[in-house]
C-alpha atoms as a PDB file:
ATOM      1  CA  MET A   1     114.122 141.935  88.957  1.00  0.00           C
ATOM      2  CA  ASP A   2     110.709 140.463  88.208  1.00  0.00           C
ATOM      3  CA  GLU A   3     108.828 139.894  85.246  1.00  0.00           C
ATOM      4  CA  ASN A   4     106.008 142.349  85.981  1.00  0.00           C
ATOM      5  CA  SER A   5     108.882 145.176  86.906  1.00  0.00           C
ATOM      6  CA  GLN A   6     110.265 144.959  83.795  1.00  0.00           C
ATOM      7  CA  GLU A   7     106.978 144.969  82.510  1.00  0.00           C
ATOM      8  CA  LEU A   8     106.095 148.103  84.038  1.00  0.00           C
ATOM      9  CA  PHE A   9     109.267 149.642  83.193  1.00  0.00           C
ATOM     10  CA  GLU A  10     108.759 148.997  79.863  1.00  0.00           C
ATOM     11  CA  SER A  11     105.443 150.395  79.748  1.00  0.00           C
ATOM     12  CA  ALA A  12     106.862 153.380  81.761  1.00  0.00           C
ATOM     13  CA  SER A  13     109.810 154.028  78.966  1.00  0.00           C
ATOM     14  CA  GLN A  14     106.675 154.248  76.198  1.00  0.00           C
ATOM     15  CA  GLY A  15     105.069 156.970  77.944  1.00  0.00           C
ATOM     16  CA  ASP A  16     102.067 154.884  79.848  1.00  0.00           C
ATOM     17  CA  PRO A  17     101.358 157.387  82.321  1.00  0.00           C
ATOM     18  CA  ARG A  18      99.740 154.751  84.897  1.00  0.00           C
ATOM     19  CA  ALA A  19     103.183 152.876  84.777  1.00  0.00           C
ATOM     20  CA  ILE A  20     105.219 155.934  85.508  1.00  0.00           C
ATOM     21  CA  ASP A  21     103.058 157.080  88.086  1.00  0.00           C
ATOM     22  CA  GLU A  22     103.252 153.453  89.751  1.00  0.00           C
ATOM     23  CA  LEU A  23     107.244 153.494  89.211  1.00  0.00           C
ATOM     24  CA  LEU A  24     107.580 156.903  91.093  1.00  0.00           C
ATOM     25  CA  GLU A  25     105.223 155.705  93.734  1.00  0.00           C
ATOM     26  CA  ARG A  26     107.191 152.648  94.519  1.00  0.00           C
ATOM     27  CA  ASN A  27     110.647 154.834  95.025  1.00  0.00           C
ATOM     28  CA  LEU A  28     109.065 158.159  96.259  1.00  0.00           C
ATOM     29  CA  PRO A  29     109.328 157.502 100.322  1.00  0.00           C
ATOM     30  CA  ARG A  30     113.009 156.303  99.586  1.00  0.00           C
ATOM     31  CA  LEU A  31     113.694 158.957  97.907  1.00  0.00           C
ATOM     32  CA  ARG A  32     112.467 161.735  99.719  1.00  0.00           C
ATOM     33  CA  ALA A  33     114.227 160.480 102.644  1.00  0.00           C
ATOM     34  CA  TYR A  34     117.570 160.254 100.607  1.00  0.00           C
ATOM     35  CA  ILE A  35     116.977 163.574  99.416  1.00  0.00           C
ATOM     36  CA  ARG A  36     116.493 164.868 103.124  1.00  0.00           C
ATOM     37  CA  LEU A  37     119.384 163.299 104.540  1.00  0.00           C
ATOM     38  CA  ARG A  38     121.771 164.164 101.634  1.00  0.00           C
ATOM     39  CA  MET A  39     120.838 167.761 101.768  1.00  0.00           C
ATOM     40  CA  GLY A  40     122.126 168.208 105.212  1.00  0.00           C
ATOM     41  CA  PRO A  41     120.376 171.098 107.929  1.00  0.00           C
ATOM     42  CA  LYS A  42     122.035 173.802 106.133  1.00  0.00           C
ATOM     43  CA  LEU A  43     120.541 173.298 102.675  1.00  0.00           C
ATOM     44  CA  ARG A  44     117.191 171.936 104.030  1.00  0.00           C
ATOM     45  CA  GLY A  45     117.403 175.602 106.052  1.00  0.00           C
ATOM     46  CA  LYS A  46     117.565 177.057 102.537  1.00  0.00           C
ATOM     47  CA  GLU A  47     114.976 174.847 100.101  1.00  0.00           C
ATOM     48  CA  SER A  48     112.243 172.657 100.423  1.00  0.00           C
ATOM     49  CA  SER A  49     113.509 168.820  99.850  1.00  0.00           C
ATOM     50  CA  ALA A  50     110.010 168.648  97.840  1.00  0.00           C
ATOM     51  CA  ASP A  51     111.541 170.797  95.019  1.00  0.00           C
ATOM     52  CA  LEU A  52     114.507 168.788  94.896  1.00  0.00           C
ATOM     53  CA  VAL A  53     112.585 165.405  94.420  1.00  0.00           C
ATOM     54  CA  GLN A  54     110.303 166.619  91.866  1.00  0.00           C
ATOM     55  CA  SER A  55     113.414 167.965  89.935  1.00  0.00           C
ATOM     56  CA  ALA A  56     115.235 164.619  90.141  1.00  0.00           C
ATOM     57  CA  CYS A  57     111.669 163.106  89.040  1.00  0.00           C
ATOM     58  CA  ARG A  58     111.129 165.178  86.188  1.00  0.00           C
ATOM     59  CA  GLU A  59     114.864 164.444  84.979  1.00  0.00           C
ATOM     60  CA  VAL A  60     114.281 160.819  85.377  1.00  0.00           C
ATOM     61  CA  LEU A  61     111.046 161.095  83.380  1.00  0.00           C
ATOM     62  CA  GLN A  62     112.566 163.239  80.453  1.00  0.00           C
ATOM     63  CA  ASN A  63     115.186 160.355  80.063  1.00  0.00           C
ATOM     64  CA  ILE A  64     113.100 157.207  80.452  1.00  0.00           C
ATOM     65  CA  ASP A  65     113.322 156.491  77.012  1.00  0.00           C
ATOM     66  CA  ARG A  66     116.822 156.494  76.683  1.00  0.00           C
ATOM     67  CA  TYR A  67     117.264 154.091  79.783  1.00  0.00           C
ATOM     68  CA  ARG A  68     117.607 150.382  79.375  1.00  0.00           C
ATOM     69  CA  TYR A  69     116.021 148.221  81.958  1.00  0.00           C
ATOM     70  CA  GLN A  70     118.430 146.136  84.103  1.00  0.00           C
ATOM     71  CA  GLY A  71     116.218 145.452  87.073  1.00  0.00           C
ATOM     72  CA  GLU A  72     114.602 147.720  89.797  1.00  0.00           C
ATOM     73  CA  SER A  73     117.849 148.160  91.912  1.00  0.00           C
ATOM     74  CA  ASN A  74     119.596 149.615  88.894  1.00  0.00           C
ATOM     75  CA  PHE A  75     116.607 151.744  88.099  1.00  0.00           C
ATOM     76  CA  ARG A  76     116.948 152.957  91.629  1.00  0.00           C
ATOM     77  CA  ARG A  77     120.687 153.441  91.468  1.00  0.00           C
ATOM     78  CA  TRP A  78     119.847 155.976  88.351  1.00  0.00           C
ATOM     79  CA  LEU A  79     117.402 157.551  90.230  1.00  0.00           C
ATOM     80  CA  PHE A  80     119.092 158.293  93.234  1.00  0.00           C
ATOM     81  CA  THR A  81     122.189 159.243  91.288  1.00  0.00           C
ATOM     82  CA  THR A  82     120.299 161.909  89.727  1.00  0.00           C
ATOM     83  CA  ALA A  83     118.569 162.864  92.957  1.00  0.00           C
ATOM     84  CA  LEU A  84     122.383 163.314  94.476  1.00  0.00           C
ATOM     85  CA  ARG A  85     123.609 165.594  91.404  1.00  0.00           C
ATOM     86  CA  LYS A  86     120.452 167.677  92.091  1.00  0.00           C
ATOM     87  CA  VAL A  87     121.514 168.172  95.891  1.00  0.00           C
ATOM     88  CA  LYS A  88     125.285 168.487  94.847  1.00  0.00           C
ATOM     89  CA  ASN A  89     124.124 170.991  92.435  1.00  0.00           C
ATOM     90  CA  ARG A  90     122.423 173.257  94.796  1.00  0.00           C
ATOM     91  CA  VAL A  91     125.187 173.221  97.327  1.00  0.00           C
ATOM     92  CA  GLN A  92     127.480 174.301  94.740  1.00  0.00           C
ATOM     93  CA  TYR A  93     124.994 177.198  93.675  1.00  0.00           C
ATOM     94  CA  TYR A  94     125.057 178.389  97.346  1.00  0.00           C
ATOM     95  CA  GLN A  95     128.460 178.261  97.766  1.00  0.00           C
ATOM     96  CA  ALA A  96     129.586 179.794  94.300  1.00  0.00           C
ATOM     97  CA  GLU A  97     127.384 182.940  94.944  1.00  0.00           C
ATOM     98  CA  LYS A  98     128.326 183.315  98.576  1.00  0.00           C
ATOM     99  CA  ARG A  99     124.560 182.741  99.418  1.00  0.00           C
ATOM    100  CA  ASP A 100     123.883 182.324 103.154  1.00  0.00           C
ATOM    101  CA  ILE A 101     123.169 178.396 103.091  1.00  0.00           C
ATOM    102  CA  GLY A 102     124.126 178.524 107.166  1.00  0.00           C
ATOM    103  CA  ARG A 103     120.888 180.301 107.831  1.00  0.00           C
ATOM    104  CA  GLU A 104     118.398 177.376 109.403  1.00  0.00           C
ATOM    105  CA  GLY A 105     114.901 176.952 108.486  1.00  0.00           C
ATOM    106  CA  SER A 106     112.091 174.639 109.787  1.00  0.00           C
ATOM    107  CA  PRO A 107     110.629 172.221 107.191  1.00  0.00           C
ATOM    108  CA  ALA A 108     107.131 171.809 106.392  1.00  0.00           C
ATOM    109  CA  ALA A 109     105.360 169.217 108.327  1.00  0.00           C
ATOM    110  CA  SER A 110     104.555 167.164 105.207  1.00  0.00           C
ATOM    111  CA  GLU A 111     107.975 166.536 104.481  1.00  0.00           C
ATOM    112  CA  PHE A 112     108.600 164.658 107.745  1.00  0.00           C
ATOM    113  CA  VAL A 113     105.472 162.498 107.399  1.00  0.00           C
ATOM    114  CA  SER A 114     106.230 161.657 104.023  1.00  0.00           C
ATOM    115  CA  VAL A 115     109.836 160.485 105.156  1.00  0.00           C
ATOM    116  CA  SER A 116     109.034 159.213 108.602  1.00  0.00           C
ATOM    117  CA  GLN A 117     108.735 155.180 107.363  1.00  0.00           C
ATOM    118  CA  VAL A 118     111.586 155.197 105.671  1.00  0.00           C
ATOM    119  CA  TYR A 119     113.344 156.994 108.700  1.00  0.00           C
ATOM    120  CA  GLN A 120     112.243 153.813 110.679  1.00  0.00           C
ATOM    121  CA  THR A 121     114.381 151.672 108.628  1.00  0.00           C
ATOM    122  CA  LEU A 122     117.666 153.449 109.691  1.00  0.00           C
ATOM    123  CA  MET A 123     116.660 152.943 113.566  1.00  0.00           C
ATOM    124  CA  THR A 124     116.547 150.440 116.184  1.00  0.00           C
ATOM    125  CA  PRO A 125     113.587 149.081 117.580  1.00  0.00           C
ATOM    126  CA  SER A 126     114.004 150.821 120.905  1.00  0.00           C
ATOM    127  CA  GLN A 127     114.241 154.556 119.290  1.00  0.00           C
ATOM    128  CA  GLU A 128     110.929 156.649 119.060  1.00  0.00           C
ATOM    129  CA  LEU A 129     112.092 159.332 116.964  1.00  0.00           C
ATOM    130  CA  MET A 130     109.328 159.329 114.194  1.00  0.00           C
ATOM    131  CA  ARG A 131     107.319 162.107 115.867  1.00  0.00           C
ATOM    132  CA  ARG A 132     107.772 165.229 114.252  1.00  0.00           C
ATOM    133  CA  GLU A 133     109.908 167.196 116.815  1.00  0.00           C
ATOM    134  CA  HIS A 134     112.305 164.492 117.121  1.00  0.00           C
ATOM    135  CA  ALA A 135     112.882 164.167 113.275  1.00  0.00           C
ATOM    136  CA  GLU A 136     114.896 167.440 113.403  1.00  0.00           C
ATOM    137  CA  LEU A 137     117.332 165.737 115.910  1.00  0.00           C
ATOM    138  CA  PHE A 138     117.628 162.467 114.133  1.00  0.00           C
ATOM    139  CA  GLU A 139     118.628 164.157 110.867  1.00  0.00           C
ATOM    140  CA  ALA A 140     121.041 166.493 112.740  1.00  0.00           C
ATOM    141  CA  ARG A 141     122.702 163.607 114.385  1.00  0.00           C
ATOM    142  CA  PHE A 142     122.623 161.795 111.317  1.00  0.00           C
ATOM    143  CA  ALA A 143     124.574 164.362 109.398  1.00  0.00           C
ATOM    144  CA  ALA A 144     127.219 164.300 112.226  1.00  0.00           C
ATOM    145  CA  LEU A 145     128.263 161.000 111.141  1.00  0.00           C
ATOM    146  CA  PRO A 146     131.358 160.720 108.785  1.00  0.00           C
ATOM    147  CA  GLU A 147     130.718 160.980 105.450  1.00  0.00           C
ATOM    148  CA  HIS A 148     131.240 156.984 104.239  1.00  0.00           C
ATOM    149  CA  TYR A 149     129.092 156.166 107.333  1.00  0.00           C
ATOM    150  CA  ARG A 150     126.249 158.343 105.622  1.00  0.00           C
ATOM    151  CA  GLU A 151     126.869 156.965 102.291  1.00  0.00           C
ATOM    152  CA  VAL A 152     126.922 153.185 103.120  1.00  0.00           C
ATOM    153  CA  ILE A 153     124.146 153.707 105.212  1.00  0.00           C
ATOM    154  CA  LEU A 154     122.024 155.254 102.634  1.00  0.00           C
ATOM    155  CA  LEU A 155     123.200 152.960  99.930  1.00  0.00           C
ATOM    156  CA  SER A 156     121.713 149.844 101.780  1.00  0.00           C
ATOM    157  CA  ARG A 157     119.109 150.997 104.097  1.00  0.00           C
ATOM    158  CA  VAL A 158     117.424 153.875 101.347  1.00  0.00           C
ATOM    159  CA  VAL A 159     118.562 152.980  98.196  1.00  0.00           C
ATOM    160  CA  GLY A 160     118.323 149.203  99.088  1.00  0.00           C
ATOM    161  CA  LEU A 161     121.607 148.327  97.123  1.00  0.00           C
ATOM    162  CA  SER A 162     123.331 144.776  97.609  1.00  0.00           C
ATOM    163  CA  HIS A 163     126.201 144.497  99.315  1.00  0.00           C
ATOM    164  CA  LYS A 164     128.211 143.562  95.890  1.00  0.00           C
ATOM    165  CA  GLU A 165     126.549 146.945  94.250  1.00  0.00           C
ATOM    166  CA  ILE A 166     127.502 148.726  97.605  1.00  0.00           C
ATOM    167  CA  ALA A 167     131.262 147.649  97.126  1.00  0.00           C
ATOM    168  CA  ALA A 168     130.789 148.749  93.591  1.00  0.00           C
ATOM    169  CA  THR A 169     129.511 152.113  94.130  1.00  0.00           C
ATOM    170  CA  MET A 170     131.780 152.937  96.742  1.00  0.00           C
ATOM    171  CA  ASN A 171     135.013 151.393  95.242  1.00  0.00           C
ATOM    172  CA  ARG A 172     135.575 149.036  98.128  1.00  0.00           C
ATOM    173  CA  THR A 173     135.873 145.168  98.516  1.00  0.00           C
ATOM    174  CA  GLU A 174     132.350 143.329  99.623  1.00  0.00           C
ATOM    175  CA  SER A 175     134.191 142.600 103.172  1.00  0.00           C
ATOM    176  CA  SER A 176     135.283 145.953 103.663  1.00  0.00           C
ATOM    177  CA  THR A 177     131.681 147.193 102.803  1.00  0.00           C
ATOM    178  CA  ARG A 178     130.309 145.029 105.194  1.00  0.00           C
ATOM    179  CA  ASN A 179     132.529 145.956 107.886  1.00  0.00           C
ATOM    180  CA  LEU A 180     131.873 149.818 107.193  1.00  0.00           C
ATOM    181  CA  LEU A 181     128.131 149.407 107.011  1.00  0.00           C
ATOM    182  CA  TYR A 182     128.754 147.393 110.944  1.00  0.00           C
ATOM    183  CA  ARG A 183     130.748 150.007 111.910  1.00  0.00           C
ATOM    184  CA  ALA A 184     128.434 152.656 110.489  1.00  0.00           C
ATOM    185  CA  LEU A 185     125.105 151.342 112.154  1.00  0.00           C
ATOM    186  CA  ALA A 186     126.766 150.696 115.208  1.00  0.00           C
ATOM    187  CA  GLU A 187     128.095 154.527 115.351  1.00  0.00           C
ATOM    188  CA  ARG A 188     124.383 155.489 114.065  1.00  0.00           C
ATOM    189  CA  ALA A 189     122.569 153.630 116.778  1.00  0.00           C
ATOM    190  CA  THR A 190     125.126 155.286 119.723  1.00  0.00           C
ATOM    191  CA  ALA A 191     124.400 158.701 118.191  1.00  0.00           C
ATOM    192  CA  MET A 192     120.610 157.774 117.704  1.00  0.00           C
ATOM    193  CA  ASP A 193     120.294 156.828 121.389  1.00  0.00           C
ATOM    194  CA  GLY A 194     121.881 159.929 122.649  1.00  0.00           C
ATOM    195  CA  GLY A 195     125.532 158.989 122.531  1.00  0.00           C
ATOM    196  CA  GLY A 196     126.025 161.846 119.849  1.00  0.00           C
ATOM    197  CA  SER A 197     126.007 165.419 120.369  1.00  0.00           C
ATOM    198  CA  ASP A 198     122.974 167.868 119.314  1.00  0.00           C
END
């Protein structure tokens, strides 16, 4: 990205705690939202998203000296890929052991506060869902979208990848990715405005 970002990352990769803190601080709101939306309601009922955020950050920090800086969006992609792997591992853990992943729980209020600003980027201006009592409805309706719609929305609006990067990640052409995002956002808007089922 810019020269300051590269210097920041290089300092972080050399173990500078202030640089590491700043890198994480830049990405924490997006990471929290990404993990909560990727977890889905069943896993959120079993585990705290904060634990998975901590686990993803810890793994990235443990391996930061092996990462070669290629821009902030590339760093974010690495961070979010690590986070996605953590979520998938937890889902597999419950499925393999036939644990009750279906038990729903109520997430802590602090988790809603930490992701509310990122959720706003996924909504139209007419949607007023950022109060705690509506965050669960938002997450449930987002989870009801088809997987490829959720994926393209998260990569675009939460991870912040360009259309070119999204196309490479999803193994699609750039134009098909643009069309997919357009359809996904239209479907999401319909669902969030009450067109989807609860």
